[in-house]
């Protein structure tokens, strides 16, 4: 079993991390990482002020995450439930934008082949593995759900050979990639 752990602090494949700096454009907003987009959507859903929503793209990733996390304590149950319903679709859109707008990052993702991608986040049992890179490599198992790794693996599979048995040209990959991933997005995500 070939396993590739990734995280903002890993020596290789750190570019797969949401915290990796890369410009993305979504709905006429410019973000300096996919994490910024995700945290802005979270803040919006949880009822943040417009001032905070507009500020998040300018923050560091850590500050953006912290600001949105603080909102959870003040959010209503309805807002929290809504966020739980849409957060994976928001992340899919963030990842789609990151890799479709940054072909160098798409190449890194595609070069992982069929390896199992595992976010080596020791403190995140939902998006990550809930353990460290060394443990992932040594034991080939982890307690977390690794949702980020699964989303990236799905994205890689969809992008690889979407409808063909032979490798299509790059523009074809992007067109099919766009159609297949953009169709499932909620209009407000």
N, C-alpha and C. Protein backbone atom coordinates (compact mmCIF):
# COMPACT_ATOMS: atom_id res chain seq x y z
N UNK A 1 0.86 -1.18 0.00
CA UNK A 1 0.00 0.00 0.00
C UNK A 1 0.90 1.24 0.00
N UNK A 2 0.79 2.03 -1.05
CA UNK A 2 1.57 3.27 -1.16
C UNK A 2 0.75 4.41 -0.56
N UNK A 3 1.29 5.02 0.49
CA UNK A 3 0.61 6.09 1.21
C UNK A 3 1.45 7.36 1.10
N UNK A 4 0.81 8.47 0.76
CA UNK A 4 1.49 9.77 0.71
C UNK A 4 0.83 10.70 1.72
N UNK A 5 1.54 10.96 2.83
CA UNK A 5 1.02 11.95 3.77
C UNK A 5 1.35 13.35 3.28
N UNK A 6 0.45 14.28 3.53
CA UNK A 6 0.70 15.67 3.16
C UNK A 6 0.16 16.57 4.26
N UNK A 7 0.78 17.70 4.40
CA UNK A 7 0.37 18.71 5.38
C UNK A 7 1.22 19.93 5.08
N UNK A 8 0.86 21.06 5.64
CA UNK A 8 1.62 22.27 5.35
C UNK A 8 3.07 22.16 5.81
N UNK A 9 3.37 21.24 6.73
CA UNK A 9 4.74 21.12 7.25
C UNK A 9 5.49 19.89 6.74
N UNK A 10 4.88 19.07 5.87
CA UNK A 10 5.60 17.90 5.37
C UNK A 10 6.64 18.32 4.35
N UNK A 11 7.70 17.50 4.22
CA UNK A 11 8.79 17.83 3.30
C UNK A 11 8.38 17.68 1.84
N UNK A 12 7.49 16.76 1.57
CA UNK A 12 7.01 16.57 0.20
C UNK A 12 5.48 16.67 0.18
N UNK A 13 4.97 17.01 -0.94
CA UNK A 13 3.52 17.09 -1.17
C UNK A 13 2.80 18.11 -0.30
N UNK A 14 3.53 19.03 0.30
CA UNK A 14 2.92 20.10 1.10
C UNK A 14 2.02 20.98 0.23
N UNK A 15 2.23 20.95 -1.08
CA UNK A 15 1.41 21.75 -1.99
C UNK A 15 -0.05 21.28 -2.02
N UNK A 16 -0.31 20.06 -1.57
CA UNK A 16 -1.67 19.55 -1.54
C UNK A 16 -2.46 20.12 -0.37
N UNK A 17 -1.76 20.69 0.60
CA UNK A 17 -2.40 21.26 1.78
C UNK A 17 -3.25 22.47 1.40
N UNK A 18 -4.35 22.64 2.09
CA UNK A 18 -5.21 23.80 1.89
C UNK A 18 -4.50 25.10 2.24
N UNK A 19 -3.49 25.01 3.08
CA UNK A 19 -2.77 26.19 3.53
C UNK A 19 -1.69 26.62 2.53
N UNK A 20 -1.44 25.81 1.52
CA UNK A 20 -0.41 26.15 0.54
C UNK A 20 -0.82 27.42 -0.22
N UNK A 21 0.06 28.42 -0.25
CA UNK A 21 -0.31 29.66 -0.96
C UNK A 21 -0.44 29.45 -2.47
N UNK A 22 -1.58 29.85 -2.99
CA UNK A 22 -1.81 29.84 -4.43
C UNK A 22 -3.03 30.70 -4.69
N UNK A 23 -2.93 31.57 -5.66
CA UNK A 23 -4.06 32.44 -5.98
C UNK A 23 -5.19 31.64 -6.61
N UNK A 24 -6.39 31.90 -6.11
CA UNK A 24 -7.58 31.34 -6.76
C UNK A 24 -8.63 32.44 -6.83
N UNK A 25 -9.46 32.36 -7.85
CA UNK A 25 -10.54 33.32 -8.04
C UNK A 25 -11.86 32.57 -8.04
N UNK A 26 -12.77 33.01 -7.17
CA UNK A 26 -14.10 32.42 -7.09
C UNK A 26 -15.10 33.56 -6.89
N UNK A 27 -16.11 33.61 -7.75
CA UNK A 27 -17.16 34.64 -7.64
C UNK A 27 -16.58 36.05 -7.53
N UNK A 28 -15.63 36.36 -8.37
CA UNK A 28 -15.00 37.68 -8.43
C UNK A 28 -14.20 38.06 -7.19
N UNK A 29 -13.91 37.11 -6.33
CA UNK A 29 -13.03 37.33 -5.18
C UNK A 29 -11.70 36.66 -5.47
N UNK A 30 -10.64 37.29 -5.00
CA UNK A 30 -9.30 36.70 -5.11
C UNK A 30 -8.90 36.20 -3.73
N UNK A 31 -8.45 34.95 -3.67
CA UNK A 31 -8.01 34.34 -2.42
C UNK A 31 -6.56 33.91 -2.57
N UNK A 32 -5.82 33.94 -1.48
CA UNK A 32 -4.41 33.55 -1.56
C UNK A 32 -4.21 32.07 -1.20
N UNK A 33 -5.29 31.36 -0.93
CA UNK A 33 -5.23 29.91 -0.74
C UNK A 33 -6.66 29.37 -0.75
N UNK A 34 -6.78 28.07 -0.92
CA UNK A 34 -8.11 27.46 -0.86
C UNK A 34 -8.66 27.52 0.56
N UNK A 35 -7.79 27.54 1.55
CA UNK A 35 -8.23 27.67 2.95
C UNK A 35 -8.92 29.00 3.19
N UNK A 36 -8.44 30.06 2.57
CA UNK A 36 -9.07 31.38 2.72
C UNK A 36 -10.52 31.35 2.21
N UNK A 37 -10.71 30.74 1.06
CA UNK A 37 -12.07 30.64 0.51
C UNK A 37 -12.96 29.84 1.47
N UNK A 38 -12.47 28.70 1.90
CA UNK A 38 -13.24 27.84 2.80
C UNK A 38 -13.64 28.59 4.08
N UNK A 39 -12.70 29.29 4.68
CA UNK A 39 -12.99 30.00 5.93
C UNK A 39 -13.93 31.19 5.71
N UNK A 40 -13.82 31.84 4.55
CA UNK A 40 -14.75 32.94 4.27
C UNK A 40 -16.18 32.41 4.12
N UNK A 41 -16.32 31.28 3.44
CA UNK A 41 -17.65 30.67 3.29
C UNK A 41 -18.20 30.24 4.65
N UNK A 42 -17.34 29.72 5.50
CA UNK A 42 -17.76 29.32 6.84
C UNK A 42 -18.23 30.54 7.63
N UNK A 43 -17.46 31.61 7.58
CA UNK A 43 -17.82 32.84 8.30
C UNK A 43 -19.16 33.38 7.79
N UNK A 44 -19.35 33.35 6.49
CA UNK A 44 -20.61 33.84 5.90
C UNK A 44 -21.79 33.01 6.39
N UNK A 45 -21.64 31.70 6.34
CA UNK A 45 -22.72 30.80 6.76
C UNK A 45 -23.04 30.94 8.25
N UNK A 46 -22.01 31.22 9.05
CA UNK A 46 -22.21 31.33 10.49
C UNK A 46 -22.61 32.74 10.93
N UNK A 47 -22.91 33.62 9.98
CA UNK A 47 -23.48 34.92 10.30
C UNK A 47 -22.48 36.00 10.69
N UNK A 48 -21.27 35.93 10.16
CA UNK A 48 -20.26 36.95 10.47
C UNK A 48 -20.66 38.30 9.90
N UNK A 49 -20.08 39.34 10.46
CA UNK A 49 -20.30 40.68 9.93
C UNK A 49 -19.67 40.79 8.55
N UNK A 50 -20.17 41.69 7.73
CA UNK A 50 -19.61 41.89 6.40
C UNK A 50 -18.15 42.32 6.49
N UNK A 51 -17.82 43.08 7.50
CA UNK A 51 -16.44 43.53 7.70
C UNK A 51 -15.50 42.33 7.88
N UNK A 52 -15.90 41.37 8.71
CA UNK A 52 -15.07 40.18 8.91
C UNK A 52 -15.01 39.35 7.64
N UNK A 53 -16.14 39.17 6.98
CA UNK A 53 -16.18 38.39 5.74
C UNK A 53 -15.23 38.99 4.71
N UNK A 54 -15.22 40.30 4.58
CA UNK A 54 -14.34 40.96 3.62
C UNK A 54 -12.88 40.91 4.05
N UNK A 55 -12.61 40.78 5.34
CA UNK A 55 -11.24 40.77 5.85
C UNK A 55 -10.56 39.42 5.72
N UNK A 56 -11.31 38.34 5.78
CA UNK A 56 -10.71 37.00 5.80
C UNK A 56 -9.75 36.74 4.64
N UNK A 57 -10.06 37.14 3.40
CA UNK A 57 -9.08 36.88 2.33
C UNK A 57 -7.73 37.58 2.54
N UNK A 58 -7.68 38.58 3.40
CA UNK A 58 -6.44 39.32 3.64
C UNK A 58 -5.64 38.75 4.81
N UNK A 59 -6.24 37.89 5.60
CA UNK A 59 -5.59 37.31 6.78
C UNK A 59 -4.61 36.22 6.38
N UNK A 60 -3.76 35.83 7.34
CA UNK A 60 -2.98 34.60 7.16
C UNK A 60 -3.96 33.44 7.26
N UNK A 61 -3.57 32.28 6.78
CA UNK A 61 -4.46 31.11 6.86
C UNK A 61 -4.84 30.80 8.30
N UNK A 62 -3.86 30.87 9.19
CA UNK A 62 -4.13 30.55 10.59
C UNK A 62 -5.12 31.53 11.21
N UNK A 63 -4.96 32.81 10.91
CA UNK A 63 -5.88 33.81 11.46
C UNK A 63 -7.28 33.67 10.85
N UNK A 64 -7.34 33.35 9.57
CA UNK A 64 -8.64 33.14 8.92
C UNK A 64 -9.37 31.97 9.58
N UNK A 65 -8.65 30.89 9.82
CA UNK A 65 -9.24 29.71 10.47
C UNK A 65 -9.68 30.05 11.89
N UNK A 66 -8.84 30.74 12.62
CA UNK A 66 -9.17 31.12 14.00
C UNK A 66 -10.40 32.02 14.05
N UNK A 67 -10.47 32.98 13.14
CA UNK A 67 -11.61 33.92 13.11
C UNK A 67 -12.92 33.19 12.84
N UNK A 68 -12.90 32.28 11.88
CA UNK A 68 -14.11 31.52 11.55
C UNK A 68 -14.46 30.55 12.68
N UNK A 69 -13.46 29.97 13.31
CA UNK A 69 -13.69 29.03 14.41
C UNK A 69 -14.37 29.73 15.59
N UNK A 70 -13.95 30.96 15.88
CA UNK A 70 -14.55 31.72 16.98
C UNK A 70 -16.05 31.93 16.76
N UNK A 71 -16.43 32.06 15.51
CA UNK A 71 -17.85 32.29 15.19
C UNK A 71 -18.74 31.12 15.58
N UNK A 72 -18.17 29.92 15.63
CA UNK A 72 -18.96 28.74 15.98
C UNK A 72 -19.61 28.89 17.35
N UNK A 73 -18.92 29.57 18.26
CA UNK A 73 -19.44 29.75 19.62
C UNK A 73 -20.64 30.68 19.66
N UNK A 74 -20.73 31.58 18.69
CA UNK A 74 -21.81 32.57 18.65
C UNK A 74 -22.92 32.20 17.67
N UNK A 75 -22.68 31.20 16.85
CA UNK A 75 -23.64 30.83 15.80
C UNK A 75 -24.87 30.14 16.38
N UNK A 76 -25.96 30.26 15.66
CA UNK A 76 -27.19 29.57 16.06
C UNK A 76 -27.09 28.10 15.67
N UNK A 77 -27.95 27.29 16.23
CA UNK A 77 -27.98 25.87 15.88
C UNK A 77 -28.29 25.71 14.39
N UNK A 78 -29.21 26.52 13.88
CA UNK A 78 -29.54 26.45 12.45
C UNK A 78 -28.34 26.77 11.57
N UNK A 79 -27.57 27.80 11.95
CA UNK A 79 -26.38 28.16 11.18
C UNK A 79 -25.35 27.03 11.23
N UNK A 80 -25.14 26.43 12.39
CA UNK A 80 -24.19 25.33 12.52
C UNK A 80 -24.64 24.11 11.71
N UNK A 81 -25.93 23.83 11.73
CA UNK A 81 -26.44 22.70 10.94
C UNK A 81 -26.29 22.96 9.45
N UNK A 82 -26.55 24.19 9.03
CA UNK A 82 -26.38 24.54 7.61
C UNK A 82 -24.92 24.36 7.20
N UNK A 83 -24.00 24.80 8.04
CA UNK A 83 -22.58 24.66 7.72
C UNK A 83 -22.20 23.18 7.60
N UNK A 84 -22.70 22.36 8.50
CA UNK A 84 -22.40 20.93 8.43
C UNK A 84 -22.91 20.32 7.12
N UNK A 85 -24.03 20.82 6.62
CA UNK A 85 -24.60 20.31 5.37
C UNK A 85 -23.76 20.68 4.15
N UNK A 86 -23.16 21.86 4.16
CA UNK A 86 -22.51 22.35 2.93
C UNK A 86 -20.99 22.34 2.97
N UNK A 87 -20.37 22.07 4.10
CA UNK A 87 -18.91 22.26 4.20
C UNK A 87 -18.12 21.38 3.24
N UNK A 88 -18.57 20.18 2.97
CA UNK A 88 -17.83 19.33 2.03
C UNK A 88 -17.96 19.87 0.61
N UNK A 89 -19.13 20.34 0.23
CA UNK A 89 -19.29 20.94 -1.10
C UNK A 89 -18.45 22.22 -1.23
N UNK A 90 -18.37 22.98 -0.16
CA UNK A 90 -17.52 24.19 -0.17
C UNK A 90 -16.07 23.78 -0.39
N UNK A 91 -15.63 22.72 0.30
CA UNK A 91 -14.25 22.26 0.13
C UNK A 91 -14.02 21.74 -1.28
N UNK A 92 -14.99 21.03 -1.84
CA UNK A 92 -14.85 20.55 -3.22
C UNK A 92 -14.64 21.73 -4.17
N UNK A 93 -15.40 22.78 -3.97
CA UNK A 93 -15.26 23.96 -4.83
C UNK A 93 -13.89 24.60 -4.64
N UNK A 94 -13.42 24.66 -3.40
CA UNK A 94 -12.10 25.22 -3.12
C UNK A 94 -11.02 24.40 -3.82
N UNK A 95 -11.12 23.09 -3.73
CA UNK A 95 -10.12 22.21 -4.36
C UNK A 95 -10.21 22.29 -5.88
N UNK A 96 -11.42 22.29 -6.41
CA UNK A 96 -11.60 22.44 -7.86
C UNK A 96 -10.91 23.71 -8.35
N UNK A 97 -11.14 24.81 -7.66
CA UNK A 97 -10.56 26.09 -8.06
C UNK A 97 -9.04 26.06 -7.94
N UNK A 98 -8.56 25.52 -6.85
CA UNK A 98 -7.11 25.46 -6.63
C UNK A 98 -6.41 24.70 -7.76
N UNK A 99 -6.91 23.51 -8.08
CA UNK A 99 -6.20 22.67 -9.04
C UNK A 99 -6.53 23.00 -10.49
N UNK A 100 -7.70 23.54 -10.77
CA UNK A 100 -8.01 23.91 -12.15
C UNK A 100 -7.35 25.23 -12.54
N UNK A 101 -7.08 26.09 -11.57
CA UNK A 101 -6.47 27.39 -11.86
C UNK A 101 -4.95 27.39 -11.69
N UNK A 102 -4.40 26.32 -11.17
CA UNK A 102 -2.95 26.24 -10.92
C UNK A 102 -2.45 24.90 -11.46
N UNK A 103 -2.12 24.87 -12.75
CA UNK A 103 -1.78 23.60 -13.40
C UNK A 103 -0.53 22.96 -12.80
N UNK A 104 0.38 23.76 -12.24
CA UNK A 104 1.55 23.17 -11.59
C UNK A 104 1.12 22.33 -10.38
N UNK A 105 0.10 22.78 -9.66
CA UNK A 105 -0.40 22.01 -8.51
C UNK A 105 -1.17 20.78 -8.98
N UNK A 106 -1.90 20.91 -10.08
CA UNK A 106 -2.60 19.76 -10.64
C UNK A 106 -1.59 18.68 -11.03
N UNK A 107 -0.46 19.08 -11.61
CA UNK A 107 0.58 18.12 -11.98
C UNK A 107 1.10 17.37 -10.76
N UNK A 108 1.29 18.08 -9.65
CA UNK A 108 1.76 17.44 -8.42
C UNK A 108 0.72 16.43 -7.93
N UNK A 109 -0.54 16.81 -7.97
CA UNK A 109 -1.61 15.89 -7.57
C UNK A 109 -1.62 14.66 -8.47
N UNK A 110 -1.53 14.86 -9.77
CA UNK A 110 -1.59 13.74 -10.71
C UNK A 110 -0.39 12.81 -10.58
N UNK A 111 0.76 13.37 -10.22
CA UNK A 111 1.98 12.56 -10.07
C UNK A 111 1.91 11.62 -8.86
N UNK A 112 0.91 11.78 -8.01
CA UNK A 112 0.77 10.87 -6.87
C UNK A 112 0.24 9.51 -7.30
N UNK A 113 -0.14 9.38 -8.56
CA UNK A 113 -0.58 8.09 -9.10
C UNK A 113 -1.79 7.54 -8.37
N UNK A 114 -1.66 6.31 -7.90
CA UNK A 114 -2.76 5.65 -7.19
C UNK A 114 -2.53 5.61 -5.68
N UNK A 115 -1.56 6.37 -5.21
CA UNK A 115 -1.26 6.36 -3.77
C UNK A 115 -2.45 6.84 -2.95
N UNK A 116 -2.53 6.35 -1.75
CA UNK A 116 -3.54 6.82 -0.81
C UNK A 116 -3.04 8.14 -0.24
N UNK A 117 -3.81 9.20 -0.41
CA UNK A 117 -3.43 10.52 0.08
C UNK A 117 -4.00 10.70 1.48
N UNK A 118 -3.13 11.11 2.41
CA UNK A 118 -3.54 11.23 3.81
C UNK A 118 -3.08 12.57 4.36
N UNK A 119 -4.04 13.39 4.80
CA UNK A 119 -3.67 14.66 5.42
C UNK A 119 -3.12 14.37 6.82
N UNK A 120 -1.85 14.66 7.01
CA UNK A 120 -1.15 14.34 8.25
C UNK A 120 -1.37 15.42 9.30
N UNK A 121 -2.61 15.68 9.61
CA UNK A 121 -2.97 16.66 10.63
C UNK A 121 -3.22 15.93 11.94
N UNK A 122 -2.33 16.10 12.92
CA UNK A 122 -2.51 15.38 14.18
C UNK A 122 -3.70 15.86 15.00
N UNK A 123 -4.18 17.07 14.72
CA UNK A 123 -5.25 17.64 15.54
C UNK A 123 -6.62 17.65 14.85
N UNK A 124 -6.72 17.07 13.68
CA UNK A 124 -7.98 17.11 12.93
C UNK A 124 -8.40 15.69 12.55
N UNK A 125 -9.44 15.22 13.21
CA UNK A 125 -9.94 13.87 12.93
C UNK A 125 -11.01 13.83 11.85
N UNK A 126 -11.42 14.99 11.35
CA UNK A 126 -12.40 15.00 10.26
C UNK A 126 -11.68 15.16 8.92
N UNK A 127 -11.07 16.30 8.69
CA UNK A 127 -10.38 16.54 7.42
C UNK A 127 -9.09 15.72 7.35
N UNK A 128 -8.46 15.49 8.47
CA UNK A 128 -7.17 14.83 8.50
C UNK A 128 -7.18 13.43 9.09
N UNK A 129 -5.95 12.93 9.29
CA UNK A 129 -5.76 11.58 9.81
C UNK A 129 -5.80 11.52 11.33
N UNK A 130 -5.66 12.68 11.97
CA UNK A 130 -5.65 12.70 13.43
C UNK A 130 -4.36 12.16 14.02
N UNK A 131 -3.32 12.13 13.21
CA UNK A 131 -2.02 11.66 13.68
C UNK A 131 -0.91 12.25 12.80
N UNK A 132 0.33 11.97 13.17
CA UNK A 132 1.49 12.56 12.51
C UNK A 132 1.95 11.75 11.29
N UNK A 133 2.72 12.43 10.45
CA UNK A 133 3.26 11.82 9.24
C UNK A 133 4.01 10.52 9.53
N UNK A 134 4.88 10.52 10.54
CA UNK A 134 5.69 9.33 10.85
C UNK A 134 4.80 8.14 11.21
N UNK A 135 3.75 8.38 11.96
CA UNK A 135 2.83 7.31 12.35
C UNK A 135 2.10 6.77 11.12
N UNK A 136 1.68 7.66 10.25
CA UNK A 136 0.98 7.24 9.02
C UNK A 136 1.88 6.35 8.19
N UNK A 137 3.14 6.75 8.01
CA UNK A 137 4.07 5.98 7.18
C UNK A 137 4.43 4.65 7.83
N UNK A 138 4.60 4.64 9.14
CA UNK A 138 5.00 3.44 9.85
C UNK A 138 3.86 2.42 9.96
N UNK A 139 2.69 2.89 10.35
CA UNK A 139 1.59 1.97 10.66
C UNK A 139 0.59 1.77 9.51
N UNK A 140 0.62 2.67 8.53
CA UNK A 140 -0.31 2.59 7.38
C UNK A 140 -1.78 2.59 7.81
N UNK A 141 -2.06 3.22 8.95
CA UNK A 141 -3.44 3.39 9.41
C UNK A 141 -3.50 4.65 10.27
N UNK A 142 -4.70 5.13 10.51
CA UNK A 142 -4.88 6.38 11.24
C UNK A 142 -6.30 6.43 11.80
N UNK A 143 -6.49 7.18 12.90
CA UNK A 143 -7.80 7.24 13.54
C UNK A 143 -8.79 8.21 12.89
N UNK A 144 -8.30 9.20 12.16
CA UNK A 144 -9.17 10.22 11.59
C UNK A 144 -9.87 9.77 10.32
N UNK A 145 -10.89 10.54 9.92
CA UNK A 145 -11.68 10.23 8.71
C UNK A 145 -10.92 10.53 7.42
N UNK A 146 -9.95 11.44 7.47
CA UNK A 146 -9.14 11.80 6.30
C UNK A 146 -10.00 12.25 5.11
N UNK A 147 -10.99 13.06 5.37
CA UNK A 147 -11.88 13.53 4.31
C UNK A 147 -11.11 14.31 3.25
N UNK A 148 -10.14 15.13 3.65
CA UNK A 148 -9.36 15.89 2.67
C UNK A 148 -8.61 14.95 1.73
N UNK A 149 -7.98 13.94 2.27
CA UNK A 149 -7.28 12.97 1.43
C UNK A 149 -8.21 12.28 0.46
N UNK A 150 -9.40 11.94 0.92
CA UNK A 150 -10.39 11.28 0.06
C UNK A 150 -10.89 12.21 -1.05
N UNK A 151 -11.12 13.48 -0.70
CA UNK A 151 -11.56 14.44 -1.72
C UNK A 151 -10.48 14.63 -2.78
N UNK A 152 -9.23 14.73 -2.35
CA UNK A 152 -8.14 14.89 -3.32
C UNK A 152 -7.99 13.64 -4.19
N UNK A 153 -8.14 12.47 -3.59
CA UNK A 153 -8.07 11.22 -4.37
C UNK A 153 -9.20 11.15 -5.39
N UNK A 154 -10.40 11.55 -5.00
CA UNK A 154 -11.52 11.58 -5.94
C UNK A 154 -11.28 12.58 -7.06
N UNK A 155 -10.77 13.73 -6.71
CA UNK A 155 -10.47 14.75 -7.70
C UNK A 155 -9.43 14.24 -8.69
N UNK A 156 -8.40 13.59 -8.18
CA UNK A 156 -7.35 13.01 -9.03
C UNK A 156 -7.94 11.97 -9.97
N UNK A 157 -8.81 11.12 -9.46
CA UNK A 157 -9.43 10.08 -10.30
C UNK A 157 -10.31 10.68 -11.39
N UNK A 158 -11.11 11.66 -11.01
CA UNK A 158 -11.99 12.31 -11.99
C UNK A 158 -11.19 13.03 -13.06
N UNK A 159 -10.06 13.55 -12.68
CA UNK A 159 -9.25 14.33 -13.61
C UNK A 159 -8.41 13.43 -14.51
N UNK A 160 -8.07 12.27 -14.03
CA UNK A 160 -7.16 11.38 -14.75
C UNK A 160 -7.74 10.95 -16.09
N UNK A 161 -8.77 10.18 -16.10
CA UNK A 161 -9.38 9.68 -17.33
C UNK A 161 -10.89 9.77 -17.16
N UNK A 162 -11.44 10.95 -17.27
CA UNK A 162 -12.85 11.12 -16.94
C UNK A 162 -13.81 10.23 -17.72
N UNK A 163 -13.67 10.15 -19.03
CA UNK A 163 -14.57 9.32 -19.83
C UNK A 163 -13.81 8.46 -20.84
N UNK A 164 -12.51 8.45 -20.75
CA UNK A 164 -11.69 7.82 -21.79
C UNK A 164 -10.85 6.68 -21.22
N UNK A 165 -10.40 5.81 -22.12
CA UNK A 165 -9.44 4.78 -21.73
C UNK A 165 -8.04 5.20 -22.12
N UNK A 166 -7.92 6.24 -22.90
CA UNK A 166 -6.62 6.80 -23.24
C UNK A 166 -6.56 8.20 -22.69
N UNK A 167 -5.37 8.68 -22.52
CA UNK A 167 -5.20 10.00 -21.90
C UNK A 167 -5.67 11.10 -22.86
N UNK A 168 -6.67 11.90 -22.45
CA UNK A 168 -7.13 13.00 -23.30
C UNK A 168 -6.17 14.18 -23.22
N UNK A 169 -6.36 15.12 -24.11
CA UNK A 169 -5.52 16.31 -24.10
C UNK A 169 -5.84 17.15 -22.87
N UNK A 170 -4.92 18.03 -22.49
CA UNK A 170 -5.11 18.86 -21.30
C UNK A 170 -6.38 19.71 -21.36
N UNK A 171 -6.70 20.39 -22.48
CA UNK A 171 -7.94 21.17 -22.50
C UNK A 171 -9.18 20.30 -22.29
N UNK A 172 -9.15 19.07 -22.83
CA UNK A 172 -10.29 18.17 -22.64
C UNK A 172 -10.44 17.81 -21.17
N UNK A 173 -9.31 17.52 -20.51
CA UNK A 173 -9.36 17.20 -19.08
C UNK A 173 -10.00 18.33 -18.31
N UNK A 174 -9.58 19.55 -18.58
CA UNK A 174 -10.12 20.68 -17.83
C UNK A 174 -11.59 20.92 -18.13
N UNK A 175 -12.02 20.73 -19.36
CA UNK A 175 -13.42 20.91 -19.70
C UNK A 175 -14.28 19.88 -18.97
N UNK A 176 -13.90 18.62 -19.03
CA UNK A 176 -14.66 17.57 -18.36
C UNK A 176 -14.59 17.76 -16.85
N UNK A 177 -13.41 18.10 -16.37
CA UNK A 177 -13.19 18.37 -14.94
C UNK A 177 -14.14 19.46 -14.48
N UNK A 178 -14.23 20.52 -15.25
CA UNK A 178 -15.10 21.65 -14.90
C UNK A 178 -16.56 21.22 -14.88
N UNK A 179 -17.00 20.54 -15.92
CA UNK A 179 -18.40 20.15 -16.02
C UNK A 179 -18.78 19.18 -14.90
N UNK A 180 -17.96 18.18 -14.64
CA UNK A 180 -18.31 17.17 -13.65
C UNK A 180 -18.31 17.73 -12.24
N UNK A 181 -17.37 18.61 -11.92
CA UNK A 181 -17.30 19.12 -10.56
C UNK A 181 -18.18 20.33 -10.33
N UNK A 182 -18.39 21.13 -11.33
CA UNK A 182 -19.17 22.35 -11.11
C UNK A 182 -20.66 22.08 -11.07
N UNK A 183 -21.11 20.98 -11.63
CA UNK A 183 -22.55 20.70 -11.67
C UNK A 183 -23.15 20.46 -10.29
N UNK A 184 -22.35 19.98 -9.35
CA UNK A 184 -22.91 19.63 -8.05
C UNK A 184 -22.89 20.77 -7.04
N UNK A 185 -22.39 21.93 -7.42
CA UNK A 185 -22.26 23.01 -6.45
C UNK A 185 -23.58 23.72 -6.18
N UNK A 186 -23.81 23.96 -4.93
CA UNK A 186 -24.94 24.77 -4.47
C UNK A 186 -24.69 26.19 -4.98
N UNK A 187 -25.68 26.92 -5.46
CA UNK A 187 -25.43 28.24 -6.05
C UNK A 187 -24.83 29.25 -5.08
N UNK A 188 -25.00 29.06 -3.79
CA UNK A 188 -24.46 30.01 -2.82
C UNK A 188 -23.12 29.59 -2.23
N UNK A 189 -22.53 28.55 -2.77
CA UNK A 189 -21.28 28.05 -2.20
C UNK A 189 -20.10 28.66 -2.90
